[in-house]
Amino acid sequence: MLADAALPLIGLIFALFIAWGVGYLGGSGQERGRNIPRAYQQGAEQAMQRDCAGRDRGAMVRCVRDHVQAAAQTAHDEQDLSAQKRAADSALAAAIAAFATLVVSVTGVVYVKRTLDATLRAVEDTSRATEAMLEANALAKDTAQRQLRAYVGVQAAWLEFSDEGEPVAHVKWKNFGQTPALETASWTHSWTAEFPLRSSLPEPPESFRKGVNVISPGNFTETVTPDGAPLADRNRKSIEAEEAAFYVYGKSRYDDVFGQRHETSFVYFCKGKSSLERGRLAGYLVGNVQT
């Protein structure tokens, strides 16, 4: 970051140095242009004194004329050379100025690019921080909802018997959560089948009796199978012989206060003469699910 901040200063110093160099070249060329004619004038005077002194009048006039013509030609040639030198110096100065402009422009572009890169990195860091904050807020919200929502489950299940000795299943549904379970619809059904199960338990018809209510936190509701549902003798004997089981199963669907729909399903069973006589139910190894 320190190097990025120094780029404009370095470019300015370089531009000032180039400007000084261009000015120095121009000034030295002008000074040389002023000094060369004086030097040639002094040289021509010394040459005339050396070559023309001591001659007769006619020879001296010719000698002076020749030296004047030679000096004029030399001065003319030197002026041409000086003009070419000034043109070359001007071209060099223009090239140096163009190079300096290019360097300053490149320096500015590099500085602007690095500034934009730093800004982009800052924006990306801010975006990542914002995303992390949103994820943390969503996680906190989800955690709070999971802690506060309703959880309806089976608190107890047992069998009672009608006057005719037929089993009647009772299931107590309890809200174990911290907020009410809304629009709760629960049902319980019973069926005799092989043990272990090798087929699916049948769903009750739509006309089957279902309880619909609201269960407050810590409270419960109860569902039962139809009173006196007949249990055929052969089924009873199979259950007592542990060749089959009497299954009690059901579901409860409900909404939590956050608008989410949930479902709890259970499968209990009774097999053996002792369990059947005492109305004992145990949880089956599959079919017990809570969402």
Protein backbone atom coordinates (compact mmCIF):
# COMPACT_ATOMS: atom_id res chain seq x y z
CA MET A 1 0.00 0.00 0.00
CA LEU A 2 2.93 2.34 0.72
CA ALA A 3 4.35 1.67 -2.76
CA ASP A 4 0.97 2.44 -4.33
CA ALA A 5 0.79 5.75 -2.49
CA ALA A 6 4.33 6.67 -3.67
CA LEU A 7 3.59 6.10 -7.39
CA PRO A 8 2.20 9.60 -8.09
CA LEU A 9 5.15 11.24 -6.29
CA ILE A 10 7.66 9.15 -8.26
CA GLY A 11 5.93 10.07 -11.53
CA LEU A 12 6.00 13.79 -10.64
CA ILE A 13 9.71 13.71 -9.75
CA PHE A 14 10.50 11.88 -13.00
CA ALA A 15 8.51 14.45 -15.02
CA LEU A 16 10.34 17.35 -13.32
CA PHE A 17 13.70 15.69 -14.04
CA ILE A 18 12.79 15.27 -17.73
CA ALA A 19 11.62 18.89 -17.94
CA TRP A 20 14.92 20.06 -16.44
CA GLY A 21 16.84 17.93 -18.97
CA VAL A 22 14.88 19.35 -21.89
CA GLY A 23 15.47 22.89 -20.66
CA TYR A 24 19.16 22.19 -20.18
CA LEU A 25 19.50 20.89 -23.74
CA GLY A 26 17.73 23.94 -25.15
CA GLY A 27 19.78 26.38 -23.08
CA SER A 28 23.09 24.74 -23.92
CA GLY A 29 22.22 24.83 -27.65
CA GLN A 30 21.42 28.56 -27.51
CA GLU A 31 24.61 29.28 -25.58
CA ARG A 32 26.66 27.33 -28.12
CA GLY A 33 24.95 29.25 -30.96
CA ARG A 34 26.00 32.55 -29.35
CA ASN A 35 29.58 31.51 -28.60
CA ILE A 36 30.52 29.92 -31.95
CA PRO A 37 30.22 33.15 -34.12
CA ARG A 38 32.39 35.06 -31.64
CA ALA A 39 34.97 32.29 -31.70
CA TYR A 40 35.08 32.30 -35.52
CA GLN A 41 35.34 36.08 -35.61
CA GLN A 42 38.32 36.04 -33.27
CA GLY A 43 39.91 33.20 -35.27
CA ALA A 44 39.44 35.07 -38.58
CA GLU A 45 41.03 38.24 -37.18
CA GLN A 46 44.03 36.32 -35.90
CA ALA A 47 44.39 34.49 -39.25
CA MET A 48 44.29 37.76 -41.24
CA GLN A 49 46.90 39.34 -38.97
CA ARG A 50 49.08 36.28 -39.32
CA ASP A 51 48.71 35.76 -43.10
CA CYS A 52 48.24 39.30 -44.46
CA ALA A 53 50.56 41.45 -42.38
CA GLY A 54 53.78 42.62 -44.12
CA ARG A 55 52.45 42.34 -47.67
CA ASP A 56 52.12 45.14 -50.22
CA ARG A 57 48.84 46.94 -50.59
CA GLY A 58 47.41 44.83 -53.43
CA ALA A 59 48.42 41.51 -51.91
CA MET A 60 47.07 42.56 -48.53
CA VAL A 61 43.71 43.49 -50.08
CA ARG A 62 43.47 40.14 -51.85
CA CYS A 63 44.54 38.29 -48.70
CA VAL A 64 41.97 40.09 -46.58
CA ARG A 65 39.27 39.47 -49.22
CA ASP A 66 40.08 35.76 -49.35
CA HIS A 67 40.02 35.48 -45.56
CA VAL A 68 36.71 37.41 -45.39
CA GLN A 69 35.15 35.14 -48.03
CA ALA A 70 36.49 32.05 -46.26
CA ALA A 71 35.23 33.30 -42.91
CA ALA A 72 31.81 34.08 -44.42
CA GLN A 73 31.58 30.59 -45.95
CA THR A 74 32.70 29.00 -42.69
CA ALA A 75 30.17 31.10 -40.74
CA HIS A 76 27.46 30.09 -43.21
CA ASP A 77 28.37 26.44 -42.91
CA GLU A 78 28.50 26.73 -39.14
CA GLN A 79 25.07 28.40 -39.11
CA ASP A 80 23.68 25.49 -41.15
CA LEU A 81 25.33 23.01 -38.80
CA SER A 82 24.06 24.95 -35.78
CA ALA A 83 20.54 24.99 -37.24
CA GLN A 84 20.72 21.24 -37.84
CA LYS A 85 22.03 20.78 -34.29
CA ARG A 86 19.18 22.89 -32.89
CA ALA A 87 16.67 20.87 -34.93
CA ALA A 88 18.18 17.63 -33.64
CA ASP A 89 18.10 18.99 -30.08
CA SER A 90 14.46 20.03 -30.55
CA ALA A 91 13.58 16.55 -31.89
CA LEU A 92 15.41 14.93 -28.98
CA ALA A 93 13.65 17.23 -26.52
CA ALA A 94 10.29 16.41 -28.12
CA ALA A 95 11.07 12.68 -27.94
CA ILE A 96 12.10 12.99 -24.30
CA ALA A 97 8.97 15.01 -23.52
CA ALA A 98 6.82 12.38 -25.26
CA PHE A 99 8.58 9.62 -23.33
CA ALA A 100 8.09 11.54 -20.09
CA THR A 101 4.39 11.97 -20.91
CA LEU A 102 4.13 8.24 -21.62
CA VAL A 103 5.86 7.37 -18.33
CA VAL A 104 3.60 9.72 -16.38
CA SER A 105 0.53 8.32 -18.15
CA VAL A 106 1.58 4.72 -17.46
CA THR A 107 2.29 5.62 -13.84
CA GLY A 108 -1.17 7.17 -13.55
CA VAL A 109 -2.83 4.17 -15.17
CA VAL A 110 -0.97 1.78 -12.85
CA TYR A 111 -1.90 3.87 -9.84
CA VAL A 112 -5.57 4.05 -10.90
CA LYS A 113 -5.62 0.28 -11.57
CA ARG A 114 -4.14 -0.50 -8.18
CA THR A 115 -6.60 1.86 -6.55
CA LEU A 116 -9.49 0.15 -8.34
CA ASP A 117 -8.11 -3.28 -7.38
CA ALA A 118 -7.91 -2.20 -3.75
CA THR A 119 -11.46 -0.85 -3.94
CA LEU A 120 -12.66 -4.10 -5.53
CA ARG A 121 -10.97 -6.14 -2.80
CA ALA A 122 -12.61 -3.96 -0.17
CA VAL A 123 -16.01 -4.42 -1.82
CA GLU A 124 -15.46 -8.20 -2.02
CA ASP A 125 -14.42 -8.31 1.64
CA THR A 126 -17.52 -6.33 2.57
CA SER A 127 -19.68 -8.63 0.43
CA ARG A 128 -18.20 -11.72 2.08
CA ALA A 129 -18.73 -10.19 5.52
CA THR A 130 -22.32 -9.37 4.61
CA GLU A 131 -22.94 -12.90 3.33
CA ALA A 132 -21.41 -14.36 6.49
CA MET A 133 -23.62 -12.09 8.60
CA LEU A 134 -26.73 -13.10 6.63
CA GLU A 135 -25.81 -16.78 6.98
CA ALA A 136 -25.26 -16.31 10.71
CA ASN A 137 -28.63 -14.52 11.02
CA ALA A 138 -30.36 -17.28 9.05
CA LEU A 139 -28.71 -19.93 11.21
CA ALA A 140 -29.69 -18.09 14.39
CA LYS A 141 -33.27 -17.74 13.12
CA ASP A 142 -33.44 -21.42 12.17
CA THR A 143 -31.98 -22.43 15.54
CA ALA A 144 -34.48 -20.24 17.41
CA GLN A 145 -37.39 -21.71 15.42
CA ARG A 146 -36.20 -25.24 16.09
CA GLN A 147 -35.99 -24.48 19.80
CA LEU A 148 -39.39 -22.78 20.01
CA ARG A 149 -41.53 -24.75 17.53
CA ALA A 150 -44.12 -27.36 18.48
CA TYR A 151 -43.09 -31.02 18.66
CA VAL A 152 -46.04 -33.41 18.74
CA GLY A 153 -45.21 -36.98 19.65
CA VAL A 154 -46.65 -40.09 21.31
CA GLN A 155 -46.42 -39.84 25.08
CA ALA A 156 -48.12 -43.19 25.77
CA ALA A 157 -49.99 -45.99 23.96
CA TRP A 158 -51.89 -48.96 25.46
CA LEU A 159 -54.70 -51.40 24.85
CA GLU A 160 -58.02 -51.62 26.65
CA PHE A 161 -60.79 -54.15 25.96
CA SER A 162 -64.44 -53.70 25.17
CA ASP A 163 -67.21 -55.55 26.93
CA GLU A 164 -66.90 -58.20 24.23
CA GLY A 165 -63.18 -58.54 24.97
CA GLU A 166 -62.04 -56.85 21.77
CA PRO A 167 -58.86 -54.66 21.96
CA VAL A 168 -59.26 -50.88 21.78
CA ALA A 169 -56.04 -48.88 21.29
CA HIS A 170 -55.53 -45.57 23.12
CA VAL A 171 -52.80 -43.14 22.04
CA LYS A 172 -51.90 -39.97 23.92
CA TRP A 173 -50.36 -37.26 21.72
CA LYS A 174 -48.38 -34.59 23.57
CA ASN A 175 -46.89 -31.27 22.45
CA PHE A 176 -43.31 -31.40 23.74
CA GLY A 177 -42.44 -28.01 22.22
CA GLN A 178 -42.61 -24.44 23.54
CA THR A 179 -45.31 -23.06 21.21
CA PRO A 180 -48.78 -24.34 20.21
CA ALA A 181 -49.34 -26.98 17.54
CA LEU A 182 -52.02 -25.59 15.20
CA GLU A 183 -54.50 -27.38 12.92
CA THR A 184 -53.56 -30.72 14.48
CA ALA A 185 -55.15 -33.70 12.71
CA SER A 186 -54.44 -37.11 14.29
CA TRP A 187 -55.65 -40.65 13.73
CA THR A 188 -54.98 -44.14 15.10
CA HIS A 189 -55.63 -47.47 13.41
CA SER A 190 -55.04 -51.16 14.23
CA TRP A 191 -54.27 -54.21 12.12
CA THR A 192 -53.23 -57.83 12.55
CA ALA A 193 -50.36 -59.03 10.35
CA GLU A 194 -47.28 -61.26 10.30
CA PHE A 195 -44.31 -60.49 12.53
CA PRO A 196 -42.00 -59.10 11.43
CA LEU A 197 -43.87 -57.11 8.83
CA ARG A 198 -43.33 -58.05 5.21
CA SER A 199 -46.05 -55.77 3.82
CA SER A 200 -47.27 -52.21 4.32
CA LEU A 201 -49.91 -51.42 6.89
CA PRO A 202 -53.11 -50.13 5.24
CA GLU A 203 -54.02 -46.45 5.51
CA PRO A 204 -57.50 -45.72 6.93
CA PRO A 205 -60.14 -44.37 4.53
CA GLU A 206 -60.73 -40.62 4.26
CA SER A 207 -63.96 -41.02 6.21
CA PHE A 208 -62.05 -42.45 9.15
CA ARG A 209 -62.53 -40.47 12.38
CA LYS A 210 -59.74 -37.97 12.98
CA GLY A 211 -59.32 -35.44 15.75
CA VAL A 212 -58.54 -31.82 14.72
CA ASN A 213 -57.57 -29.33 17.40
CA VAL A 214 -54.86 -27.10 18.85
CA ILE A 215 -52.41 -28.57 21.33
CA SER A 216 -50.82 -26.05 23.69
CA PRO A 217 -47.25 -26.56 24.94
CA GLY A 218 -47.17 -29.40 27.47
CA ASN A 219 -50.77 -30.44 26.78
CA PHE A 220 -52.03 -33.52 24.98
CA THR A 221 -54.87 -35.02 22.99
CA GLU A 222 -55.98 -38.64 22.76
CA THR A 223 -57.05 -40.82 19.84
CA VAL A 224 -58.56 -44.33 19.96
CA THR A 225 -59.38 -47.08 17.52
CA PRO A 226 -63.09 -47.86 16.95
CA ASP A 227 -64.70 -49.49 19.98
CA GLY A 228 -64.98 -53.24 19.79
CA ALA A 229 -63.21 -53.73 16.47
CA PRO A 230 -63.52 -57.48 16.02
CA LEU A 231 -60.40 -59.62 16.36
CA ALA A 232 -60.96 -62.96 14.66
CA ASP A 233 -60.20 -66.07 16.70
CA ARG A 234 -57.55 -67.22 14.28
CA ASN A 235 -55.82 -63.83 14.53
CA ARG A 236 -55.99 -63.93 18.32
CA LYS A 237 -54.44 -67.41 18.37
CA SER A 238 -51.69 -66.32 15.97
CA ILE A 239 -50.92 -63.32 18.21
CA GLU A 240 -50.85 -65.43 21.37
CA ALA A 241 -48.57 -67.94 19.61
CA GLU A 242 -46.32 -65.02 18.50
CA GLU A 243 -46.82 -66.01 14.88
CA ALA A 244 -48.42 -62.61 14.20
CA ALA A 245 -48.76 -59.27 15.95
CA PHE A 246 -51.49 -56.77 16.67
CA TYR A 247 -50.24 -53.46 15.22
CA VAL A 248 -51.37 -50.05 16.39
CA TYR A 249 -50.23 -47.17 14.18
CA GLY A 250 -51.16 -43.64 13.27
CA LYS A 251 -50.14 -40.13 12.24
CA SER A 252 -50.46 -36.58 13.48
CA ARG A 253 -50.12 -33.62 11.13
CA TYR A 254 -49.88 -30.06 12.47
CA ASP A 255 -48.63 -26.53 11.78
CA ASP A 256 -46.18 -24.69 13.99
CA VAL A 257 -46.52 -20.96 14.76
CA PHE A 258 -43.89 -20.23 12.06
CA GLY A 259 -46.15 -21.60 9.31
CA GLN A 260 -44.31 -24.88 8.77
CA ARG A 261 -46.21 -28.17 8.35
CA HIS A 262 -44.96 -31.20 10.31
CA GLU A 263 -45.87 -34.86 10.63
CA THR A 264 -45.33 -37.53 13.28
CA SER A 265 -46.02 -41.19 12.55
CA PHE A 266 -45.71 -44.22 14.84
CA VAL A 267 -46.01 -48.00 14.71
CA TYR A 268 -46.49 -50.03 17.91
CA PHE A 269 -47.22 -53.74 18.24
CA CYS A 270 -48.43 -56.38 20.67
CA LYS A 271 -47.62 -60.11 20.43
CA GLY A 272 -47.75 -62.98 22.89
CA LYS A 273 -50.57 -64.03 25.20
CA SER A 274 -49.24 -62.14 28.24
CA SER A 275 -48.80 -58.84 26.38
CA LEU A 276 -52.21 -59.14 24.76
CA GLU A 277 -53.95 -59.84 28.07
CA ARG A 278 -52.21 -56.89 29.75
CA GLY A 279 -52.66 -54.54 26.79
CA ARG A 280 -48.97 -53.80 26.46
CA LEU A 281 -47.64 -52.11 23.32
CA ALA A 282 -44.03 -51.73 22.24
CA GLY A 283 -42.47 -49.57 19.56
CA TYR A 284 -41.82 -51.32 16.26
CA LEU A 285 -38.36 -51.08 14.77
CA VAL A 286 -39.49 -49.02 11.73
CA GLY A 287 -42.24 -46.52 11.00
CA ASN A 288 -41.58 -44.13 13.89
CA VAL A 289 -40.75 -40.81 12.22
CA GLN A 290 -41.02 -37.16 13.24
CA THR A 291 -40.46 -34.15 10.98
